[in-house]
Amino acid sequence: MTHFGATILDATGTRLSAEEKRFFADADPFGFILFGRNIESADQVRALCAEMREAVGREAPITIDQEGGRVQRLRAPTWRSWPAPLAQVKAAGEHAREVMYLRYRLIAHELRALGIDSNCAPLVDVAGAQTHDFLRDRCYGTDPARVAELGRAVADSLLDGGVLPVLKHIPGHGRAQADSHLDLPVVEADLAELTACDFAPFKALNDLPMGMTAHLVYAAIDALPATISPCMMRLIREEIGFGGLIMTDDISMKALSGSLTDITRASLDAGCDIALLCNASLEDRRAVADAAGRLDAVGQARAEAALAARRTPTEVDISALEAKLSAMSGGDAYGG
């Protein structure tokens, strides 16, 4: 079997152009990602997902960022709207684990109904006093063990709903005091502190099928951003013990400098399996696909293992889940 292309790519609009179909057929990306501009209606999203899979001739995974709060591509009135994760965790108190399970089981149900079978969650970055606003309310808390527990609930609920979770941002973005979409954050904490706090939830969830890197520098370990650092990628594999498929965070983010092709090569050379490129022109997508090439034998095995983790959704009564979540959330499960 031919190995998958070592990329995850997106589409320009709500349906694939003829040129995009030809490009995807040739590049054969491992999977696809959807954004707000790709979403108009339920029928349209289903048709787009079908076109993506038809272009590559297989049931390629299609992912999305549906965390809730500021980061949700599916929104009301067609779909449920969700408060920020941190707000819902705080409101749930001692019931947070079950509330997060119910929340993401309902999200998984909505995604699967559209043909989307992956979600870029759980986010187990540990929040702190200095966590940048772009990230803080997306976190689940400040205690590493509690964050890991809630992250497990999110991952389990997505898997039970037939949706592959993507663990992010490996090995921990919580200390970042800059938005990596715009700048390169530098974390000065020492290795012992990072290991005890930031890295701990990722180690606890190192069995998940897919993960996404963090674009930031851990100065105590290496001067390069983790995504393009062989040293950091070894730490992720060997110390944190993450054995699943690792994709970069979006390589077009401003935290990384250089051409897209150079960043692609650097990230894959460092040890990432997949280059994720978002919001780019077709020309740039072609260049990145060419630079990435195909998954090597180890990456292909990880990719196949991730796909094998896809499950048929467990049967649930969605109305009952909604009622339970509403009762445990004081009647305001979808506020915010």
Protein backbone atom coordinates (compact mmCIF):
# COMPACT_ATOMS: atom_id res chain seq x y z
CA MET A 1 0.00 0.00 0.00
CA THR A 2 1.21 3.50 -0.79
CA HIS A 3 1.96 5.53 2.31
CA PHE A 4 -0.24 8.53 3.09
CA GLY A 5 1.00 12.04 2.42
CA ALA A 6 2.61 13.46 5.59
CA THR A 7 0.15 16.37 5.80
CA ILE A 8 -3.22 17.48 7.10
CA LEU A 9 -4.73 20.16 4.86
CA ASP A 10 -7.85 22.29 4.57
CA ALA A 11 -10.12 23.56 1.80
CA THR A 12 -10.63 27.10 0.57
CA GLY A 13 -14.41 27.20 0.79
CA THR A 14 -17.62 25.28 1.36
CA ARG A 15 -17.03 22.78 -1.48
CA LEU A 16 -13.89 21.56 -3.21
CA SER A 17 -12.92 23.16 -6.49
CA ALA A 18 -11.97 20.92 -9.39
CA GLU A 19 -8.35 21.99 -8.89
CA GLU A 20 -8.46 21.08 -5.19
CA LYS A 21 -9.89 17.66 -6.01
CA ARG A 22 -7.02 16.98 -8.41
CA PHE A 23 -4.45 18.25 -5.91
CA PHE A 24 -5.78 16.15 -3.03
CA ALA A 25 -5.92 13.06 -5.23
CA ASP A 26 -2.24 13.54 -6.03
CA ALA A 27 -0.99 14.64 -2.58
CA ASP A 28 -3.14 12.10 -0.67
CA PRO A 29 -2.92 13.93 2.68
CA PHE A 30 -3.35 11.76 5.76
CA GLY A 31 -6.37 13.85 6.69
CA PHE A 32 -8.20 17.16 6.51
CA ILE A 33 -9.21 19.97 8.88
CA LEU A 34 -12.27 22.23 8.72
CA PHE A 35 -12.65 25.90 9.68
CA GLY A 36 -15.55 28.31 10.01
CA ARG A 37 -15.29 29.33 6.36
CA ASN A 38 -15.92 25.69 5.38
CA ILE A 39 -19.19 25.53 7.31
CA GLU A 40 -22.53 26.78 6.01
CA SER A 41 -25.12 24.09 6.73
CA ALA A 42 -25.28 20.48 7.85
CA ASP A 43 -25.93 19.13 4.36
CA GLN A 44 -23.11 21.24 2.91
CA VAL A 45 -20.59 20.02 5.52
CA ARG A 46 -21.57 16.40 4.87
CA ALA A 47 -21.09 16.96 1.13
CA LEU A 48 -17.69 18.61 1.67
CA CYS A 49 -16.50 15.74 3.88
CA ALA A 50 -17.65 13.26 1.24
CA GLU A 51 -15.77 15.16 -1.48
CA MET A 52 -12.58 15.18 0.60
CA ARG A 53 -12.73 11.43 1.15
CA GLU A 54 -13.66 10.77 -2.46
CA ALA A 55 -10.64 12.79 -3.61
CA VAL A 56 -8.22 10.52 -1.72
CA GLY A 57 -10.23 7.34 -2.24
CA ARG A 58 -10.47 6.32 1.43
CA GLU A 59 -12.06 7.17 4.76
CA ALA A 60 -9.49 9.84 5.61
CA PRO A 61 -9.90 11.41 9.06
CA ILE A 62 -11.47 14.86 9.07
CA THR A 63 -10.77 16.97 12.15
CA ILE A 64 -11.94 20.30 13.53
CA ASP A 65 -11.35 22.59 16.50
CA GLN A 66 -14.51 22.20 18.54
CA GLU A 67 -13.35 22.98 22.07
CA GLY A 68 -16.18 25.33 23.02
CA GLY A 69 -15.87 28.93 24.10
CA ARG A 70 -13.90 31.06 21.66
CA VAL A 71 -12.66 28.01 19.76
CA GLN A 72 -15.68 26.37 18.17
CA ARG A 73 -16.22 26.15 14.43
CA LEU A 74 -19.79 24.86 14.72
CA ARG A 75 -22.00 27.49 16.31
CA ALA A 76 -25.60 28.32 17.19
CA PRO A 77 -28.24 28.38 15.95
CA THR A 78 -27.56 25.25 13.87
CA TRP A 79 -25.40 23.59 16.50
CA ARG A 80 -24.97 23.83 20.26
CA SER A 81 -22.94 26.73 21.60
CA TRP A 82 -20.63 26.01 24.52
CA PRO A 83 -19.06 28.10 27.28
CA ALA A 84 -15.29 28.17 27.59
CA PRO A 85 -13.95 24.90 29.04
CA LEU A 86 -12.46 26.55 32.13
CA ALA A 87 -15.75 28.29 32.90
CA GLN A 88 -17.69 25.04 32.64
CA VAL A 89 -15.16 23.17 34.79
CA LYS A 90 -15.34 25.83 37.49
CA ALA A 91 -19.13 25.89 37.42
CA ALA A 92 -19.32 22.09 37.65
CA GLY A 93 -17.10 21.88 40.73
CA GLU A 94 -16.90 18.29 42.01
CA HIS A 95 -18.96 17.10 39.02
CA ALA A 96 -16.47 18.47 36.48
CA ARG A 97 -15.29 15.07 35.24
CA GLU A 98 -18.80 13.89 34.41
CA VAL A 99 -19.80 17.28 32.99
CA MET A 100 -16.80 17.29 30.65
CA TYR A 101 -17.61 13.73 29.57
CA LEU A 102 -21.21 14.70 28.77
CA ARG A 103 -20.15 17.92 27.03
CA TYR A 104 -17.76 16.22 24.64
CA ARG A 105 -20.04 13.22 24.09
CA LEU A 106 -22.64 15.66 22.77
CA ILE A 107 -19.99 17.41 20.69
CA ALA A 108 -18.92 14.04 19.27
CA HIS A 109 -22.53 13.28 18.33
CA GLU A 110 -22.79 16.54 16.39
CA LEU A 111 -19.48 15.97 14.64
CA ARG A 112 -20.23 12.41 13.56
CA ALA A 113 -23.58 13.49 12.13
CA LEU A 114 -21.64 15.73 9.74
CA GLY A 115 -18.99 13.18 8.73
CA ILE A 116 -16.32 14.71 11.01
CA ASP A 117 -14.51 11.99 12.95
CA SER A 118 -11.76 13.82 14.84
CA ASN A 119 -11.58 16.77 17.23
CA CYS A 120 -8.53 18.77 18.31
CA ALA A 121 -9.14 18.09 22.01
CA PRO A 122 -8.42 17.42 24.84
CA LEU A 123 -6.29 20.48 25.58
CA VAL A 124 -4.32 19.58 28.71
CA ASP A 125 -2.07 22.62 28.96
CA VAL A 126 -1.87 23.53 32.65
CA ALA A 127 -3.09 27.07 33.32
CA GLY A 128 -1.07 29.38 35.55
CA ALA A 129 -1.08 32.97 36.73
CA GLN A 130 0.80 34.13 33.63
CA THR A 131 -0.99 32.05 30.98
CA HIS A 132 -1.76 34.23 27.98
CA ASP A 133 -5.41 35.17 27.46
CA PHE A 134 -5.52 33.40 24.09
CA LEU A 135 -5.17 30.09 25.95
CA ARG A 136 -6.22 30.49 29.57
CA ASP A 137 -9.99 29.94 29.35
CA ARG A 138 -9.42 27.02 26.99
CA CYS A 139 -7.58 25.14 29.77
CA TYR A 140 -9.20 22.78 32.29
CA GLY A 141 -7.43 24.02 35.41
CA THR A 142 -4.21 24.70 37.29
CA ASP A 143 -3.54 21.31 38.93
CA PRO A 144 -1.73 18.83 36.63
CA ALA A 145 -3.42 15.73 38.07
CA ARG A 146 -6.87 17.30 37.81
CA VAL A 147 -6.17 18.49 34.27
CA ALA A 148 -5.10 14.94 33.32
CA GLU A 149 -8.27 13.51 34.87
CA LEU A 150 -10.49 15.91 32.92
CA GLY A 151 -8.46 15.38 29.76
CA ARG A 152 -9.06 11.64 30.09
CA ALA A 153 -12.80 12.26 30.41
CA VAL A 154 -12.76 14.36 27.24
CA ALA A 155 -10.75 11.76 25.31
CA ASP A 156 -12.95 8.88 26.49
CA SER A 157 -16.14 10.69 25.54
CA LEU A 158 -14.87 11.55 22.07
CA LEU A 159 -13.74 7.96 21.48
CA ASP A 160 -17.09 6.65 22.74
CA GLY A 161 -18.73 8.99 20.24
CA GLY A 162 -16.68 7.65 17.34
CA VAL A 163 -14.39 10.68 17.18
CA LEU A 164 -10.58 10.54 17.38
CA PRO A 165 -9.15 12.92 19.99
CA VAL A 166 -6.05 15.00 19.27
CA LEU A 167 -4.08 15.69 22.46
CA LYS A 168 -2.69 19.22 22.57
CA HIS A 169 -0.38 21.10 22.86
CA ILE A 170 2.45 18.64 23.50
CA PRO A 171 4.45 19.00 25.73
CA GLY A 172 2.57 21.91 27.38
CA HIS A 173 1.63 25.46 26.38
CA GLY A 174 0.34 26.75 29.71
CA ARG A 175 3.36 28.87 30.67
CA ALA A 176 3.32 30.79 27.39
CA GLN A 177 3.02 34.52 27.94
CA ALA A 178 2.63 35.24 24.23
CA ASP A 179 0.11 34.11 21.62
CA SER A 180 1.94 31.65 19.37
CA HIS A 181 -0.35 32.62 16.49
CA LEU A 182 1.49 35.97 16.54
CA ASP A 183 4.81 35.51 18.39
CA LEU A 184 7.22 32.83 19.60
CA PRO A 185 6.70 32.26 23.35
CA VAL A 186 9.78 31.40 25.44
CA VAL A 187 9.36 29.45 28.67
CA GLU A 188 12.16 29.83 31.22
CA ALA A 189 11.08 27.21 33.79
CA ASP A 190 13.62 24.53 34.65
CA LEU A 191 13.29 20.90 33.59
CA ALA A 192 12.23 19.64 37.02
CA GLU A 193 9.40 22.16 37.19
CA LEU A 194 8.28 21.40 33.63
CA THR A 195 8.35 17.66 34.26
CA ALA A 196 6.36 17.90 37.49
CA CYS A 197 3.72 20.26 36.11
CA ASP A 198 3.48 20.99 32.40
CA PHE A 199 4.54 17.63 31.01
CA ALA A 200 2.63 15.53 33.57
CA PRO A 201 -0.85 15.52 31.96
CA PHE A 202 0.66 14.56 28.60
CA LYS A 203 2.51 11.66 30.22
CA ALA A 204 -0.75 10.54 31.85
CA LEU A 205 -2.46 10.57 28.43
CA ASN A 206 0.47 9.24 26.37
CA ASP A 207 -1.64 6.35 25.06
CA LEU A 208 -3.95 8.55 22.96
CA PRO A 209 -3.86 8.00 19.19
CA MET A 210 -2.90 11.49 18.03
CA GLY A 211 -1.23 14.60 19.43
CA MET A 212 -0.39 18.15 18.35
CA THR A 213 2.82 20.02 19.16
CA ALA A 214 3.32 23.36 20.88
CA HIS A 215 5.10 26.17 19.02
CA LEU A 216 7.18 27.48 21.90
CA VAL A 217 10.73 27.39 23.23
CA TYR A 218 11.58 25.61 26.47
CA ALA A 219 14.82 27.47 27.17
CA ALA A 220 16.07 24.96 29.76
CA ILE A 221 16.04 22.23 27.11
CA ASP A 222 16.61 23.75 23.66
CA ALA A 223 16.67 27.10 21.87
CA LEU A 224 14.46 25.80 19.04
CA PRO A 225 10.65 25.75 19.18
CA ALA A 226 9.42 22.29 20.21
CA THR A 227 7.84 21.60 16.81
CA ILE A 228 11.20 21.80 15.03
CA SER A 229 13.43 20.64 17.89
CA PRO A 230 14.85 17.08 17.66
CA CYS A 231 15.72 17.38 21.35
CA MET A 232 12.15 18.23 22.36
CA MET A 233 10.66 15.58 20.08
CA ARG A 234 12.91 12.96 21.70
CA LEU A 235 11.70 14.14 25.10
CA ILE A 236 8.08 13.80 23.93
CA ARG A 237 8.69 10.27 22.67
CA GLU A 238 11.04 8.98 25.37
CA GLU A 239 10.34 10.90 28.58
CA ILE A 240 6.67 11.73 28.14
CA GLY A 241 6.29 8.43 26.29
CA PHE A 242 3.80 9.56 23.67
CA GLY A 243 3.60 6.79 21.08
CA GLY A 244 0.83 8.07 18.84
CA LEU A 245 0.82 10.05 15.61
CA ILE A 246 2.20 13.56 16.16
CA MET A 247 1.07 16.45 14.00
CA THR A 248 2.47 19.94 14.17
CA ASP A 249 0.32 22.82 15.24
CA ASP A 250 -0.44 24.97 12.20
CA ILE A 251 2.91 25.68 10.55
CA SER A 252 1.66 29.03 9.20
CA MET A 253 1.49 30.48 12.74
CA LYS A 254 3.88 33.39 13.32
CA ALA A 255 5.71 31.59 16.15
CA LEU A 256 7.69 29.75 13.46
CA SER A 257 9.93 31.66 11.09
CA GLY A 258 11.16 30.76 7.63
CA SER A 259 9.44 29.50 4.51
CA LEU A 260 6.62 26.99 4.80
CA THR A 261 8.70 24.40 2.98
CA ASP A 262 11.64 24.90 5.35
CA ILE A 263 9.36 24.66 8.39
CA THR A 264 7.77 21.51 6.96
CA ARG A 265 11.12 19.81 6.48
CA ALA A 266 12.42 20.96 9.87
CA SER A 267 9.36 19.68 11.74
CA LEU A 268 9.42 16.27 10.07
CA ASP A 269 13.20 16.00 10.45
CA ALA A 270 12.78 16.81 14.16
CA GLY A 271 10.41 13.89 14.62
CA CYS A 272 6.88 15.08 13.88
CA ASP A 273 4.94 12.67 11.67
CA ILE A 274 2.55 15.12 10.02
CA ALA A 275 2.71 18.78 8.97
CA LEU A 276 -0.56 20.64 9.59
CA LEU A 277 -1.09 23.61 7.28
CA CYS A 278 -4.13 25.86 7.66
CA ASN A 279 -5.51 28.94 5.92
CA ALA A 280 -3.05 28.82 3.03
CA SER A 281 -3.29 29.30 -0.70
CA LEU A 282 -3.47 26.29 -3.00
CA GLU A 283 0.05 27.15 -4.16
CA ASP A 284 1.36 26.98 -0.59
CA ARG A 285 -0.53 23.76 0.06
CA ARG A 286 1.16 22.24 -3.00
CA ALA A 287 4.59 23.37 -1.81
CA VAL A 288 4.08 21.93 1.67
CA ALA A 289 2.73 18.65 0.33
CA ASP A 290 5.78 18.35 -1.93
CA ALA A 291 8.14 19.17 0.94
CA ALA A 292 6.43 16.73 3.30
CA GLY A 293 6.32 13.82 0.90
CA ARG A 294 4.96 10.55 2.25
CA LEU A 295 4.95 9.12 5.74
CA ASP A 296 7.90 6.88 6.48
CA ALA A 297 7.32 3.32 7.69
CA VAL A 298 7.18 4.30 11.37
CA GLY A 299 4.85 7.25 10.69
CA GLN A 300 2.62 5.09 8.50
CA ALA A 301 2.34 2.52 11.28
CA ARG A 302 1.34 5.28 13.73
CA ALA A 303 -1.19 6.62 11.23
CA GLU A 304 -2.74 3.21 10.74
CA ALA A 305 -2.86 2.67 14.50
CA ALA A 306 -4.67 6.01 14.91
CA LEU A 307 -7.22 5.06 12.27
CA ALA A 308 -7.72 1.68 13.95
CA ALA A 309 -8.67 3.55 17.14
CA ARG A 310 -11.82 4.88 15.45
CA ARG A 311 -14.86 3.23 16.97
CA THR A 312 -18.51 2.85 16.13
CA PRO A 313 -20.26 5.28 18.50
CA THR A 314 -21.79 3.75 21.62
CA GLU A 315 -25.57 3.97 21.62
CA VAL A 316 -26.84 6.74 23.85
CA ASP A 317 -30.02 8.69 24.45
CA ILE A 318 -28.95 12.20 23.44
CA SER A 319 -31.98 13.83 25.09
CA ALA A 320 -31.13 12.08 28.35
CA LEU A 321 -27.51 13.24 28.14
CA GLU A 322 -28.67 16.80 27.50
CA ALA A 323 -31.01 16.70 30.48
CA LYS A 324 -28.31 15.26 32.73
CA LEU A 325 -25.77 17.86 31.65
CA SER A 326 -28.29 20.67 32.15
CA ALA A 327 -29.13 19.40 35.64
CA MET A 328 -25.46 19.14 36.61
CA SER A 329 -24.74 22.59 35.20
CA GLY A 330 -27.47 24.44 37.06
CA GLY A 331 -29.58 24.63 33.92
CA ASP A 332 -26.96 26.62 31.98
CA ALA A 333 -24.88 23.98 30.17
CA TYR A 334 -24.69 26.07 27.02
CA GLY A 335 -24.21 29.52 28.49
CA GLY A 336 -21.36 31.83 27.53
